[in-house]
Amino acid sequence: MNGKRNILSEVENSMKKIPTLKTDEEVADFWDKHSFEDYHKDTEIAKIRFVKKPKKSITIRLDPEDVKSVVQIADQKGLSYTSLLRMWIKDHLVKESRKIA
C-alpha cells in the first residue's frame, strides 16, 4: 500500500501551477496547448449562481390543429412546444423592432 501512496504523492507534488494570464486570448491559447489533468490540483470549486428572469404567464387560445402542428415541430427540434412558441415570439419581436427603429 505504501507504493501506491508514494506514487500518488509524487503525482500530486508534480502538479503544475496555472500561470496568471491577463487576457481571454492568453487563457484560450494556454488551455489549447495544455491539459487540465496537469493542473487540476491548482483549482477550486467555483460557486456560481444563475438567476432566471421571472416570466409572466399568459393565456392564448389557438386552433387545436395549430397546437398539434407546433407540438410536432417542437418534438422534431427536441424542445417543448411552449419553449418553441416563446422562441418564435421573441424572434418576431426582434424583427418587428428592427422595422420600427
N, C-alpha and C. Protein backbone atom coordinates (compact mmCIF):
# COMPACT_ATOMS: atom_id res chain seq x y z
N MET A 1 0.83 -1.20 0.00
CA MET A 1 0.00 0.00 0.00
C MET A 1 0.87 1.26 0.00
N ASN A 2 2.03 1.20 0.63
CA ASN A 2 2.92 2.37 0.65
C ASN A 2 3.35 2.77 -0.75
N GLY A 3 3.52 1.78 -1.63
CA GLY A 3 3.92 2.07 -3.00
C GLY A 3 2.89 2.94 -3.70
N LYS A 4 1.60 2.62 -3.49
CA LYS A 4 0.52 3.42 -4.10
C LYS A 4 0.54 4.84 -3.55
N ARG A 5 0.71 4.97 -2.23
CA ARG A 5 0.72 6.30 -1.61
C ARG A 5 1.88 7.12 -2.14
N ASN A 6 3.05 6.49 -2.28
CA ASN A 6 4.21 7.23 -2.78
C ASN A 6 3.98 7.72 -4.20
N ILE A 7 3.38 6.86 -5.04
CA ILE A 7 3.11 7.25 -6.42
C ILE A 7 2.11 8.40 -6.45
N LEU A 8 1.04 8.30 -5.64
CA LEU A 8 0.04 9.36 -5.59
C LEU A 8 0.66 10.66 -5.11
N SER A 9 1.49 10.61 -4.08
CA SER A 9 2.07 11.84 -3.59
C SER A 9 3.08 12.41 -4.56
N GLU A 10 3.76 11.57 -5.33
CA GLU A 10 4.66 12.06 -6.38
C GLU A 10 3.87 12.78 -7.46
N VAL A 11 2.72 12.20 -7.84
CA VAL A 11 1.87 12.81 -8.86
C VAL A 11 1.35 14.15 -8.36
N GLU A 12 0.87 14.19 -7.10
CA GLU A 12 0.35 15.43 -6.54
C GLU A 12 1.44 16.50 -6.46
N ASN A 13 2.65 16.12 -6.10
CA ASN A 13 3.75 17.07 -6.00
C ASN A 13 4.20 17.56 -7.37
N SER A 14 3.98 16.75 -8.40
CA SER A 14 4.42 17.15 -9.74
C SER A 14 3.37 17.99 -10.47
N MET A 15 2.21 18.22 -9.82
CA MET A 15 1.17 19.05 -10.44
C MET A 15 1.71 20.45 -10.66
N LYS A 16 1.40 21.00 -11.81
CA LYS A 16 1.89 22.32 -12.17
C LYS A 16 0.93 23.40 -11.67
N LYS A 17 1.43 24.60 -11.54
CA LYS A 17 0.61 25.75 -11.15
C LYS A 17 0.11 26.45 -12.41
N ILE A 18 -1.14 26.88 -12.38
CA ILE A 18 -1.70 27.61 -13.51
C ILE A 18 -1.10 29.01 -13.49
N PRO A 19 -0.52 29.45 -14.59
CA PRO A 19 0.08 30.79 -14.61
C PRO A 19 -1.00 31.88 -14.58
N THR A 20 -0.60 33.07 -14.16
CA THR A 20 -1.50 34.21 -14.20
C THR A 20 -1.54 34.73 -15.63
N LEU A 21 -2.73 34.75 -16.19
CA LEU A 21 -2.90 35.17 -17.59
C LEU A 21 -3.76 36.44 -17.60
N LYS A 22 -3.42 37.36 -18.47
CA LYS A 22 -4.06 38.68 -18.44
C LYS A 22 -5.27 38.83 -19.35
N THR A 23 -5.31 38.11 -20.45
CA THR A 23 -6.41 38.29 -21.39
C THR A 23 -7.10 36.96 -21.67
N ASP A 24 -8.31 37.05 -22.19
CA ASP A 24 -9.05 35.84 -22.57
C ASP A 24 -8.29 35.07 -23.66
N GLU A 25 -7.62 35.82 -24.55
CA GLU A 25 -6.85 35.19 -25.62
C GLU A 25 -5.70 34.37 -25.05
N GLU A 26 -5.02 34.92 -24.03
CA GLU A 26 -3.92 34.18 -23.39
C GLU A 26 -4.44 32.92 -22.72
N VAL A 27 -5.59 33.03 -22.07
CA VAL A 27 -6.19 31.88 -21.40
C VAL A 27 -6.54 30.80 -22.43
N ALA A 28 -7.19 31.22 -23.52
CA ALA A 28 -7.58 30.27 -24.57
C ALA A 28 -6.35 29.59 -25.16
N ASP A 29 -5.31 30.38 -25.43
CA ASP A 29 -4.08 29.84 -26.01
C ASP A 29 -3.42 28.85 -25.05
N PHE A 30 -3.41 29.20 -23.76
CA PHE A 30 -2.81 28.32 -22.75
C PHE A 30 -3.53 26.97 -22.72
N TRP A 31 -4.87 26.99 -22.62
CA TRP A 31 -5.61 25.73 -22.50
C TRP A 31 -5.65 24.95 -23.81
N ASP A 32 -5.42 25.62 -24.94
CA ASP A 32 -5.29 24.91 -26.21
C ASP A 32 -4.02 24.05 -26.22
N LYS A 33 -3.02 24.49 -25.48
CA LYS A 33 -1.71 23.83 -25.50
C LYS A 33 -1.41 22.98 -24.27
N HIS A 34 -2.28 23.02 -23.26
CA HIS A 34 -2.02 22.28 -22.02
C HIS A 34 -3.23 21.44 -21.63
N SER A 35 -2.97 20.43 -20.82
CA SER A 35 -4.04 19.55 -20.36
C SER A 35 -4.46 19.93 -18.94
N PHE A 36 -5.77 19.95 -18.72
CA PHE A 36 -6.29 20.22 -17.38
C PHE A 36 -5.78 19.18 -16.39
N GLU A 37 -5.53 17.97 -16.86
CA GLU A 37 -5.02 16.89 -16.00
C GLU A 37 -3.76 17.31 -15.24
N ASP A 38 -2.93 18.14 -15.87
CA ASP A 38 -1.68 18.57 -15.25
C ASP A 38 -1.87 19.67 -14.22
N TYR A 39 -3.06 20.27 -14.17
CA TYR A 39 -3.27 21.46 -13.35
C TYR A 39 -4.47 21.37 -12.40
N HIS A 40 -5.19 20.27 -12.41
CA HIS A 40 -6.45 20.22 -11.68
C HIS A 40 -6.30 20.43 -10.18
N LYS A 41 -5.15 20.12 -9.60
CA LYS A 41 -4.96 20.32 -8.16
C LYS A 41 -4.82 21.81 -7.83
N ASP A 42 -4.55 22.64 -8.82
CA ASP A 42 -4.38 24.08 -8.61
C ASP A 42 -5.69 24.83 -8.85
N THR A 43 -6.81 24.12 -8.73
CA THR A 43 -8.12 24.74 -8.96
C THR A 43 -8.98 24.59 -7.71
N GLU A 44 -10.05 25.32 -7.69
CA GLU A 44 -11.02 25.19 -6.61
C GLU A 44 -12.42 25.26 -7.20
N ILE A 45 -13.36 24.76 -6.47
CA ILE A 45 -14.74 24.75 -6.93
C ILE A 45 -15.27 26.17 -6.94
N ALA A 46 -15.85 26.56 -8.07
CA ALA A 46 -16.43 27.90 -8.20
C ALA A 46 -17.88 27.85 -7.77
N LYS A 47 -18.28 28.86 -7.05
CA LYS A 47 -19.68 28.96 -6.64
C LYS A 47 -20.35 29.98 -7.54
N ILE A 48 -21.14 29.47 -8.48
CA ILE A 48 -21.82 30.33 -9.45
C ILE A 48 -23.32 30.13 -9.29
N ARG A 49 -24.02 31.22 -9.30
CA ARG A 49 -25.47 31.14 -9.18
C ARG A 49 -26.09 31.90 -10.34
N PHE A 50 -26.95 31.25 -11.07
CA PHE A 50 -27.64 31.87 -12.18
C PHE A 50 -29.06 32.20 -11.73
N VAL A 51 -29.49 33.39 -12.05
CA VAL A 51 -30.83 33.82 -11.67
C VAL A 51 -31.65 33.97 -12.95
N LYS A 52 -32.74 33.24 -13.00
CA LYS A 52 -33.64 33.35 -14.15
C LYS A 52 -34.54 34.56 -13.97
N LYS A 53 -34.72 35.28 -15.06
CA LYS A 53 -35.68 36.38 -15.00
C LYS A 53 -37.07 35.76 -14.91
N PRO A 54 -37.90 36.31 -14.03
CA PRO A 54 -39.25 35.75 -13.93
C PRO A 54 -40.03 35.97 -15.21
N LYS A 55 -40.84 35.01 -15.56
CA LYS A 55 -41.66 35.09 -16.76
C LYS A 55 -43.10 35.39 -16.34
N LYS A 56 -43.79 36.10 -17.20
CA LYS A 56 -45.21 36.38 -16.95
C LYS A 56 -46.03 35.34 -17.69
N SER A 57 -46.94 34.77 -17.00
CA SER A 57 -47.81 33.75 -17.58
C SER A 57 -48.97 34.42 -18.31
N ILE A 58 -49.25 33.94 -19.54
CA ILE A 58 -50.39 34.44 -20.29
C ILE A 58 -51.18 33.26 -20.82
N THR A 59 -52.38 33.54 -21.23
CA THR A 59 -53.22 32.51 -21.85
C THR A 59 -53.62 32.98 -23.24
N ILE A 60 -53.43 32.11 -24.21
CA ILE A 60 -53.90 32.41 -25.57
C ILE A 60 -54.71 31.22 -26.08
N ARG A 61 -55.65 31.52 -26.91
CA ARG A 61 -56.47 30.46 -27.49
C ARG A 61 -55.97 30.22 -28.91
N LEU A 62 -55.68 28.95 -29.20
CA LEU A 62 -55.22 28.56 -30.52
C LEU A 62 -56.09 27.45 -31.06
N ASP A 63 -56.14 27.36 -32.35
CA ASP A 63 -56.86 26.28 -33.02
C ASP A 63 -56.16 24.96 -32.64
N PRO A 64 -56.90 23.92 -32.30
CA PRO A 64 -56.29 22.65 -31.92
C PRO A 64 -55.32 22.08 -32.96
N GLU A 65 -55.61 22.30 -34.23
CA GLU A 65 -54.71 21.82 -35.28
C GLU A 65 -53.39 22.58 -35.27
N ASP A 66 -53.46 23.88 -34.95
CA ASP A 66 -52.23 24.67 -34.85
C ASP A 66 -51.38 24.18 -33.68
N VAL A 67 -52.03 23.88 -32.57
CA VAL A 67 -51.31 23.38 -31.40
C VAL A 67 -50.64 22.05 -31.75
N LYS A 68 -51.38 21.19 -32.44
CA LYS A 68 -50.84 19.89 -32.85
C LYS A 68 -49.60 20.07 -33.73
N SER A 69 -49.68 21.01 -34.67
CA SER A 69 -48.54 21.28 -35.56
C SER A 69 -47.33 21.80 -34.77
N VAL A 70 -47.58 22.72 -33.85
CA VAL A 70 -46.49 23.27 -33.05
C VAL A 70 -45.84 22.16 -32.21
N VAL A 71 -46.64 21.30 -31.62
CA VAL A 71 -46.12 20.20 -30.81
C VAL A 71 -45.24 19.29 -31.66
N GLN A 72 -45.68 18.97 -32.87
CA GLN A 72 -44.89 18.10 -33.76
C GLN A 72 -43.56 18.75 -34.13
N ILE A 73 -43.59 20.03 -34.48
CA ILE A 73 -42.36 20.74 -34.84
C ILE A 73 -41.42 20.80 -33.63
N ALA A 74 -41.97 21.11 -32.47
CA ALA A 74 -41.16 21.19 -31.26
C ALA A 74 -40.52 19.84 -30.94
N ASP A 75 -41.29 18.76 -31.09
CA ASP A 75 -40.74 17.41 -30.86
C ASP A 75 -39.57 17.13 -31.79
N GLN A 76 -39.70 17.51 -33.05
CA GLN A 76 -38.63 17.29 -34.02
C GLN A 76 -37.37 18.07 -33.64
N LYS A 77 -37.55 19.23 -33.02
CA LYS A 77 -36.43 20.07 -32.62
C LYS A 77 -35.91 19.73 -31.22
N GLY A 78 -36.60 18.82 -30.53
CA GLY A 78 -36.19 18.45 -29.18
C GLY A 78 -36.52 19.51 -28.15
N LEU A 79 -37.59 20.26 -28.39
CA LEU A 79 -38.00 21.33 -27.49
C LEU A 79 -39.41 21.08 -26.98
N SER A 80 -39.76 21.77 -25.91
CA SER A 80 -41.17 21.76 -25.51
C SER A 80 -41.90 22.74 -26.43
N TYR A 81 -43.18 22.53 -26.61
CA TYR A 81 -43.90 23.42 -27.52
C TYR A 81 -43.96 24.83 -26.95
N THR A 82 -43.98 24.97 -25.63
CA THR A 82 -44.01 26.32 -25.05
C THR A 82 -42.68 27.04 -25.28
N SER A 83 -41.57 26.32 -25.20
CA SER A 83 -40.26 26.93 -25.49
C SER A 83 -40.19 27.37 -26.94
N LEU A 84 -40.69 26.53 -27.84
CA LEU A 84 -40.68 26.87 -29.26
C LEU A 84 -41.53 28.12 -29.52
N LEU A 85 -42.70 28.18 -28.93
CA LEU A 85 -43.56 29.35 -29.11
C LEU A 85 -42.88 30.61 -28.57
N ARG A 86 -42.24 30.51 -27.40
CA ARG A 86 -41.52 31.66 -26.84
C ARG A 86 -40.41 32.11 -27.79
N MET A 87 -39.67 31.15 -28.37
CA MET A 87 -38.60 31.48 -29.31
C MET A 87 -39.17 32.20 -30.54
N TRP A 88 -40.26 31.69 -31.08
CA TRP A 88 -40.87 32.29 -32.26
C TRP A 88 -41.34 33.72 -31.95
N ILE A 89 -41.97 33.90 -30.80
CA ILE A 89 -42.45 35.23 -30.42
C ILE A 89 -41.26 36.18 -30.27
N LYS A 90 -40.20 35.72 -29.59
CA LYS A 90 -39.01 36.55 -29.40
C LYS A 90 -38.40 36.94 -30.75
N ASP A 91 -38.26 35.96 -31.66
CA ASP A 91 -37.72 36.24 -33.00
C ASP A 91 -38.57 37.29 -33.73
N HIS A 92 -39.87 37.12 -33.66
CA HIS A 92 -40.76 38.05 -34.35
C HIS A 92 -40.66 39.45 -33.73
N LEU A 93 -40.57 39.53 -32.42
CA LEU A 93 -40.44 40.83 -31.76
C LEU A 93 -39.15 41.54 -32.17
N VAL A 94 -38.04 40.78 -32.30
CA VAL A 94 -36.78 41.37 -32.73
C VAL A 94 -36.92 41.91 -34.15
N LYS A 95 -37.51 41.13 -35.04
CA LYS A 95 -37.70 41.57 -36.43
C LYS A 95 -38.58 42.81 -36.51
N GLU A 96 -39.66 42.83 -35.77
CA GLU A 96 -40.57 43.98 -35.78
C GLU A 96 -39.90 45.22 -35.19
N SER A 97 -39.11 45.04 -34.15
CA SER A 97 -38.46 46.21 -33.55
C SER A 97 -37.41 46.80 -34.50
N ARG A 98 -36.79 45.98 -35.34
CA ARG A 98 -35.85 46.48 -36.35
C ARG A 98 -36.58 47.32 -37.40
N LYS A 99 -37.79 46.90 -37.75
CA LYS A 99 -38.57 47.65 -38.74
C LYS A 99 -38.93 49.03 -38.19
N ILE A 100 -39.25 49.09 -36.92
CA ILE A 100 -39.67 50.35 -36.29
C ILE A 100 -38.50 51.30 -36.12
N ALA A 101 -37.32 50.74 -35.78
CA ALA A 101 -36.15 51.60 -35.50
C ALA A 101 -35.55 52.23 -36.72
